[in-house]
């Protein structure tokens, strides 16, 4: 079997349930349109990977999306527990190098994911730091439960606090290039993703005319 696994966490694309911070500025429909496009970026980034891929939906499996991939739902009370459970599933099934990504990154590509997997040949953990202080990618070659426990999710100190704990425990980790996700209107309008997507710009404009 393939020893490498990529886990993708996807929110079910429902009006009023995605990109809620962004929705405060551009409305639920606008946030829906933006997230739909971001999921397409993630689909493209995972198209030509040699690793196995599993899609973890937030609420329910959608058969019409991510065709050909193994799909299931996230399980757990918070983000940490959901990620921990997904990694445990992968290690239990025999995978040696596992990387997990979200689905709201405008600049992610297969190179970032492959680099994450390659780093796990010499490191127990790898992170793709996000500009907001969190991380867009996490990978492990060995299970470390504490990474997902009692952490300040969605706060600007998440990456720093998590890596500090790894250093204290002398666990070898690597970091990838820092990327920005899209949580606010400022994130959106300054991104190459938005500037180059004329159809999306038109949709957002029409919603506010």
C-alpha atoms as a PDB file:
ATOM      1  CA  UNK A   1       0.000   0.000   0.000  1.00  0.00           C
ATOM      2  CA  UNK A   2       0.947   3.627  -0.374  1.00  0.00           C
ATOM      3  CA  UNK A   3       2.626   4.828   2.839  1.00  0.00           C
ATOM      4  CA  UNK A   4       1.707   8.503   2.329  1.00  0.00           C
ATOM      5  CA  UNK A   5      -1.678  10.036   3.066  1.00  0.00           C
ATOM      6  CA  UNK A   6      -3.095  13.512   2.542  1.00  0.00           C
ATOM      7  CA  UNK A   7      -6.146  14.440   4.612  1.00  0.00           C
ATOM      8  CA  UNK A   8      -8.278  17.360   3.441  1.00  0.00           C
ATOM      9  CA  UNK A   9     -10.677  19.011   5.877  1.00  0.00           C
ATOM     10  CA  UNK A  10     -13.608  20.531   3.997  1.00  0.00           C
ATOM     11  CA  UNK A  11     -16.569  22.444   5.326  1.00  0.00           C
ATOM     12  CA  UNK A  12     -19.879  21.532   3.759  1.00  0.00           C
ATOM     13  CA  UNK A  13     -20.623  24.473   1.481  1.00  0.00           C
ATOM     14  CA  UNK A  14     -23.815  25.790   3.030  1.00  0.00           C
ATOM     15  CA  UNK A  15     -25.121  29.330   3.014  1.00  0.00           C
ATOM     16  CA  UNK A  16     -24.399  31.020   6.343  1.00  0.00           C
ATOM     17  CA  UNK A  17     -22.055  28.239   7.496  1.00  0.00           C
ATOM     18  CA  UNK A  18     -18.782  29.094   5.716  1.00  0.00           C
ATOM     19  CA  UNK A  19     -16.364  32.002   6.105  1.00  0.00           C
ATOM     20  CA  UNK A  20     -18.535  33.627   8.770  1.00  0.00           C
ATOM     21  CA  UNK A  21     -16.013  36.393   9.532  1.00  0.00           C
ATOM     22  CA  UNK A  22     -15.875  37.304   5.865  1.00  0.00           C
ATOM     23  CA  UNK A  23     -19.673  37.156   5.665  1.00  0.00           C
ATOM     24  CA  UNK A  24     -19.919  40.060   8.104  1.00  0.00           C
ATOM     25  CA  UNK A  25     -18.529  42.279   5.335  1.00  0.00           C
ATOM     26  CA  UNK A  26     -19.740  40.741   2.069  1.00  0.00           C
ATOM     27  CA  UNK A  27     -22.780  38.792   3.274  1.00  0.00           C
ATOM     28  CA  UNK A  28     -23.522  35.085   3.442  1.00  0.00           C
ATOM     29  CA  UNK A  29     -23.941  34.695  -0.306  1.00  0.00           C
ATOM     30  CA  UNK A  30     -20.622  36.418  -0.972  1.00  0.00           C
ATOM     31  CA  UNK A  31     -18.841  34.229   1.570  1.00  0.00           C
ATOM     32  CA  UNK A  32     -20.479  31.182  -0.010  1.00  0.00           C
ATOM     33  CA  UNK A  33     -19.136  32.168  -3.449  1.00  0.00           C
ATOM     34  CA  UNK A  34     -15.619  32.794  -2.093  1.00  0.00           C
ATOM     35  CA  UNK A  35     -15.438  29.494  -0.223  1.00  0.00           C
ATOM     36  CA  UNK A  36     -16.747  27.595  -3.259  1.00  0.00           C
ATOM     37  CA  UNK A  37     -13.829  28.990  -5.272  1.00  0.00           C
ATOM     38  CA  UNK A  38     -11.311  28.206  -2.525  1.00  0.00           C
ATOM     39  CA  UNK A  39     -12.441  24.573  -2.479  1.00  0.00           C
ATOM     40  CA  UNK A  40     -11.753  24.431  -6.235  1.00  0.00           C
ATOM     41  CA  UNK A  41      -8.198  25.656  -5.567  1.00  0.00           C
ATOM     42  CA  UNK A  42      -7.772  22.856  -3.009  1.00  0.00           C
ATOM     43  CA  UNK A  43      -9.142  20.293  -5.466  1.00  0.00           C
ATOM     44  CA  UNK A  44      -6.575  21.400  -8.048  1.00  0.00           C
ATOM     45  CA  UNK A  45      -3.768  21.223  -5.474  1.00  0.00           C
ATOM     46  CA  UNK A  46      -4.585  17.580  -4.710  1.00  0.00           C
ATOM     47  CA  UNK A  47      -5.185  16.410  -8.281  1.00  0.00           C
ATOM     48  CA  UNK A  48      -1.799  15.001  -9.218  1.00  0.00           C
ATOM     49  CA  UNK A  49      -0.423  13.793  -5.906  1.00  0.00           C
ATOM     50  CA  UNK A  50       1.026  10.296  -5.640  1.00  0.00           C
ATOM     51  CA  UNK A  51      -0.135  10.019  -2.012  1.00  0.00           C
ATOM     52  CA  UNK A  52      -3.509   8.575  -1.052  1.00  0.00           C
ATOM     53  CA  UNK A  53      -6.142  11.203  -0.297  1.00  0.00           C
ATOM     54  CA  UNK A  54      -9.043  11.233   2.153  1.00  0.00           C
ATOM     55  CA  UNK A  55     -11.655  13.958   2.313  1.00  0.00           C
ATOM     56  CA  UNK A  56     -13.154  14.740   5.714  1.00  0.00           C
ATOM     57  CA  UNK A  57     -16.383  16.757   5.453  1.00  0.00           C
ATOM     58  CA  UNK A  58     -17.514  18.864   8.405  1.00  0.00           C
ATOM     59  CA  UNK A  59     -21.117  17.593   8.500  1.00  0.00           C
ATOM     60  CA  UNK A  60     -21.995  15.045   5.851  1.00  0.00           C
ATOM     61  CA  UNK A  61     -20.411  13.372   2.849  1.00  0.00           C
ATOM     62  CA  UNK A  62     -21.312  14.961  -0.482  1.00  0.00           C
ATOM     63  CA  UNK A  63     -21.204  12.347  -3.262  1.00  0.00           C
ATOM     64  CA  UNK A  64     -21.034  14.908  -6.072  1.00  0.00           C
ATOM     65  CA  UNK A  65     -17.829  16.511  -4.720  1.00  0.00           C
ATOM     66  CA  UNK A  66     -14.266  15.125  -4.783  1.00  0.00           C
ATOM     67  CA  UNK A  67     -15.203  12.218  -7.040  1.00  0.00           C
ATOM     68  CA  UNK A  68     -12.922   9.218  -6.841  1.00  0.00           C
ATOM     69  CA  UNK A  69     -11.587  10.004  -3.370  1.00  0.00           C
ATOM     70  CA  UNK A  70     -12.315   8.218  -0.116  1.00  0.00           C
ATOM     71  CA  UNK A  71     -14.704  10.436   1.854  1.00  0.00           C
ATOM     72  CA  UNK A  72     -15.902  10.516   5.440  1.00  0.00           C
ATOM     73  CA  UNK A  73     -16.908  13.026   8.122  1.00  0.00           C
ATOM     74  CA  UNK A  74     -14.911  14.761  10.839  1.00  0.00           C
ATOM     75  CA  UNK A  75     -15.455  13.455  14.365  1.00  0.00           C
ATOM     76  CA  UNK A  76     -14.771  15.366  17.580  1.00  0.00           C
ATOM     77  CA  UNK A  77     -15.918  18.267  19.734  1.00  0.00           C
ATOM     78  CA  UNK A  78     -13.369  20.814  18.551  1.00  0.00           C
ATOM     79  CA  UNK A  79     -10.865  21.259  15.726  1.00  0.00           C
ATOM     80  CA  UNK A  80      -8.063  19.648  17.707  1.00  0.00           C
ATOM     81  CA  UNK A  81     -10.051  16.527  18.472  1.00  0.00           C
ATOM     82  CA  UNK A  82     -11.238  16.254  14.873  1.00  0.00           C
ATOM     83  CA  UNK A  83      -7.688  16.496  13.522  1.00  0.00           C
ATOM     84  CA  UNK A  84      -6.347  14.066  16.119  1.00  0.00           C
ATOM     85  CA  UNK A  85      -8.991  11.494  15.222  1.00  0.00           C
ATOM     86  CA  UNK A  86      -8.237  11.838  11.503  1.00  0.00           C
ATOM     87  CA  UNK A  87      -4.504  11.280  12.080  1.00  0.00           C
ATOM     88  CA  UNK A  88      -5.201   8.318  14.342  1.00  0.00           C
ATOM     89  CA  UNK A  89      -7.346   6.764  11.596  1.00  0.00           C
ATOM     90  CA  UNK A  90      -4.485   7.152   9.125  1.00  0.00           C
ATOM     91  CA  UNK A  91      -1.792   5.693  11.373  1.00  0.00           C
ATOM     92  CA  UNK A  92      -4.108   2.843  12.373  1.00  0.00           C
ATOM     93  CA  UNK A  93      -4.526   2.014   8.675  1.00  0.00           C
ATOM     94  CA  UNK A  94      -0.770   1.731   8.208  1.00  0.00           C
ATOM     95  CA  UNK A  95       0.255   5.091   6.753  1.00  0.00           C
ATOM     96  CA  UNK A  96       3.725   6.328   7.749  1.00  0.00           C
ATOM     97  CA  UNK A  97       3.650   9.951   6.561  1.00  0.00           C
ATOM     98  CA  UNK A  98       0.405  11.901   6.948  1.00  0.00           C
ATOM     99  CA  UNK A  99      -0.292  15.523   6.047  1.00  0.00           C
ATOM    100  CA  UNK A 100      -3.525  17.391   6.799  1.00  0.00           C
ATOM    101  CA  UNK A 101      -4.643  20.605   5.092  1.00  0.00           C
ATOM    102  CA  UNK A 102      -7.709  22.811   5.202  1.00  0.00           C
ATOM    103  CA  UNK A 103      -9.619  24.059   2.177  1.00  0.00           C
ATOM    104  CA  UNK A 104      -9.531  27.857   2.412  1.00  0.00           C
ATOM    105  CA  UNK A 105      -6.044  28.623   1.105  1.00  0.00           C
ATOM    106  CA  UNK A 106      -5.922  30.670  -2.100  1.00  0.00           C
ATOM    107  CA  UNK A 107      -2.232  29.976  -2.841  1.00  0.00           C
ATOM    108  CA  UNK A 108      -1.794  26.325  -1.937  1.00  0.00           C
ATOM    109  CA  UNK A 109      -0.516  23.980  -4.619  1.00  0.00           C
ATOM    110  CA  UNK A 110       0.711  20.398  -4.839  1.00  0.00           C
ATOM    111  CA  UNK A 111       4.311  21.552  -4.254  1.00  0.00           C
ATOM    112  CA  UNK A 112       3.446  22.661  -0.707  1.00  0.00           C
ATOM    113  CA  UNK A 113       1.815  19.313   0.042  1.00  0.00           C
ATOM    114  CA  UNK A 114       4.659  17.288  -1.487  1.00  0.00           C
ATOM    115  CA  UNK A 115       7.203  19.340   0.430  1.00  0.00           C
ATOM    116  CA  UNK A 116       5.296  18.612   3.625  1.00  0.00           C
ATOM    117  CA  UNK A 117       5.384  14.877   2.931  1.00  0.00           C
ATOM    118  CA  UNK A 118       9.087  14.959   2.003  1.00  0.00           C
ATOM    119  CA  UNK A 119       9.959  16.743   5.250  1.00  0.00           C
ATOM    120  CA  UNK A 120       8.449  13.851   7.184  1.00  0.00           C
ATOM    121  CA  UNK A 121      11.254  11.569   6.008  1.00  0.00           C
ATOM    122  CA  UNK A 122      13.565  13.337   8.468  1.00  0.00           C
ATOM    123  CA  UNK A 123      11.147  15.023  10.900  1.00  0.00           C
ATOM    124  CA  UNK A 124       8.376  13.790  13.170  1.00  0.00           C
ATOM    125  CA  UNK A 125       6.229  16.873  12.525  1.00  0.00           C
ATOM    126  CA  UNK A 126       5.907  19.498   9.790  1.00  0.00           C
ATOM    127  CA  UNK A 127       3.911  22.735   9.723  1.00  0.00           C
ATOM    128  CA  UNK A 128       2.838  25.166   7.065  1.00  0.00           C
ATOM    129  CA  UNK A 129       2.497  28.396   9.086  1.00  0.00           C
ATOM    130  CA  UNK A 130      -0.295  30.846   8.299  1.00  0.00           C
ATOM    131  CA  UNK A 131       0.154  34.606   8.470  1.00  0.00           C
ATOM    132  CA  UNK A 132      -2.554  34.862  11.133  1.00  0.00           C
ATOM    133  CA  UNK A 133      -0.477  32.837  13.609  1.00  0.00           C
ATOM    134  CA  UNK A 134      -2.100  29.477  12.971  1.00  0.00           C
ATOM    135  CA  UNK A 135      -1.089  26.864  10.422  1.00  0.00           C
ATOM    136  CA  UNK A 136      -2.536  25.727   7.086  1.00  0.00           C
ATOM    137  CA  UNK A 137      -0.768  22.365   7.023  1.00  0.00           C
ATOM    138  CA  UNK A 138       0.305  19.889   9.642  1.00  0.00           C
ATOM    139  CA  UNK A 139       2.022  16.585   9.031  1.00  0.00           C
ATOM    140  CA  UNK A 140       3.332  13.802  11.237  1.00  0.00           C
ATOM    141  CA  UNK A 141       5.413  10.659  10.865  1.00  0.00           C
ATOM    142  CA  UNK A 142       4.598   9.692  14.448  1.00  0.00           C
ATOM    143  CA  UNK A 143       1.457  10.348  16.489  1.00  0.00           C
ATOM    144  CA  UNK A 144       1.740  13.144  19.057  1.00  0.00           C
ATOM    145  CA  UNK A 145      -1.631  13.633  20.751  1.00  0.00           C
ATOM    146  CA  UNK A 146      -0.553  16.687  22.746  1.00  0.00           C
ATOM    147  CA  UNK A 147      -0.311  18.787  19.554  1.00  0.00           C
ATOM    148  CA  UNK A 148      -4.102  18.752  19.406  1.00  0.00           C
ATOM    149  CA  UNK A 149      -4.919  19.060  23.095  1.00  0.00           C
ATOM    150  CA  UNK A 150      -5.583  22.280  25.066  1.00  0.00           C
ATOM    151  CA  UNK A 151      -4.544  24.570  22.243  1.00  0.00           C
ATOM    152  CA  UNK A 152      -5.745  28.140  21.476  1.00  0.00           C
ATOM    153  CA  UNK A 153      -7.605  27.318  18.263  1.00  0.00           C
ATOM    154  CA  UNK A 154      -8.272  30.269  15.949  1.00  0.00           C
ATOM    155  CA  UNK A 155      -5.927  32.474  17.948  1.00  0.00           C
ATOM    156  CA  UNK A 156      -2.749  34.192  16.765  1.00  0.00           C
ATOM    157  CA  UNK A 157      -0.542  32.283  19.234  1.00  0.00           C
ATOM    158  CA  UNK A 158      -1.461  28.773  18.047  1.00  0.00           C
ATOM    159  CA  UNK A 159       1.613  28.065  15.898  1.00  0.00           C
ATOM    160  CA  UNK A 160       4.027  29.639  18.382  1.00  0.00           C
ATOM    161  CA  UNK A 161       2.565  27.792  21.354  1.00  0.00           C
ATOM    162  CA  UNK A 162       2.496  24.447  19.542  1.00  0.00           C
ATOM    163  CA  UNK A 163       6.082  24.677  18.277  1.00  0.00           C
ATOM    164  CA  UNK A 164       7.328  25.833  21.694  1.00  0.00           C
ATOM    165  CA  UNK A 165       5.900  22.657  23.194  1.00  0.00           C
ATOM    166  CA  UNK A 166       7.627  20.555  20.526  1.00  0.00           C
ATOM    167  CA  UNK A 167      10.957  22.240  21.315  1.00  0.00           C
ATOM    168  CA  UNK A 168      10.519  21.537  25.038  1.00  0.00           C
ATOM    169  CA  UNK A 169       9.936  17.869  24.242  1.00  0.00           C
ATOM    170  CA  UNK A 170      12.916  17.788  21.810  1.00  0.00           C
ATOM    171  CA  UNK A 171      10.714  16.657  18.942  1.00  0.00           C
ATOM    172  CA  UNK A 172      12.203  17.425  15.535  1.00  0.00           C
ATOM    173  CA  UNK A 173       9.932  19.455  13.262  1.00  0.00           C
ATOM    174  CA  UNK A 174      10.152  21.416  10.012  1.00  0.00           C
ATOM    175  CA  UNK A 175       8.298  24.448   8.698  1.00  0.00           C
ATOM    176  CA  UNK A 176       7.220  25.294   5.167  1.00  0.00           C
ATOM    177  CA  UNK A 177       6.698  28.693   3.570  1.00  0.00           C
ATOM    178  CA  UNK A 178       4.152  30.941   5.300  1.00  0.00           C
ATOM    179  CA  UNK A 179       0.839  31.401   3.444  1.00  0.00           C
ATOM    180  CA  UNK A 180      -2.197  33.570   4.085  1.00  0.00           C
ATOM    181  CA  UNK A 181      -5.725  32.208   4.316  1.00  0.00           C
ATOM    182  CA  UNK A 182      -8.804  34.296   3.677  1.00  0.00           C
ATOM    183  CA  UNK A 183     -10.777  35.198   6.779  1.00  0.00           C
ATOM    184  CA  UNK A 184     -11.490  38.906   6.272  1.00  0.00           C
ATOM    185  CA  UNK A 185     -12.453  41.260   3.453  1.00  0.00           C
ATOM    186  CA  UNK A 186      -8.935  42.720   3.561  1.00  0.00           C
ATOM    187  CA  UNK A 187      -7.472  39.219   3.083  1.00  0.00           C
ATOM    188  CA  UNK A 188      -9.756  38.720   0.108  1.00  0.00           C
ATOM    189  CA  UNK A 189      -9.199  41.916  -1.861  1.00  0.00           C
ATOM    190  CA  UNK A 190      -5.410  41.872  -1.434  1.00  0.00           C
ATOM    191  CA  UNK A 191      -5.042  38.247  -2.584  1.00  0.00           C
ATOM    192  CA  UNK A 192      -3.832  37.213  -6.046  1.00  0.00           C
ATOM    193  CA  UNK A 193      -6.601  34.638  -5.930  1.00  0.00           C
ATOM    194  CA  UNK A 194      -9.254  37.377  -5.938  1.00  0.00           C
ATOM    195  CA  UNK A 195      -7.462  39.807  -8.235  1.00  0.00           C
ATOM    196  CA  UNK A 196      -7.099  37.124 -10.910  1.00  0.00           C
ATOM    197  CA  UNK A 197     -10.639  35.724 -10.587  1.00  0.00           C
ATOM    198  CA  UNK A 198     -12.775  38.117 -12.615  1.00  0.00           C
ATOM    199  CA  UNK A 199     -15.876  35.921 -12.372  1.00  0.00           C
ATOM    200  CA  UNK A 200     -15.720  35.970  -8.589  1.00  0.00           C
ATOM    201  CA  UNK A 201     -15.178  39.739  -8.560  1.00  0.00           C
ATOM    202  CA  UNK A 202     -18.252  40.162 -10.736  1.00  0.00           C
ATOM    203  CA  UNK A 203     -20.356  37.962  -8.463  1.00  0.00           C
ATOM    204  CA  UNK A 204     -19.328  39.901  -5.359  1.00  0.00           C
ATOM    205  CA  UNK A 205     -19.927  43.224  -7.127  1.00  0.00           C
ATOM    206  CA  UNK A 206     -23.394  42.165  -8.300  1.00  0.00           C
ATOM    207  CA  UNK A 207     -24.349  41.171  -4.752  1.00  0.00           C
ATOM    208  CA  UNK A 208     -23.623  44.691  -3.564  1.00  0.00           C
ATOM    209  CA  UNK A 209     -25.016  46.741  -6.451  1.00  0.00           C
END
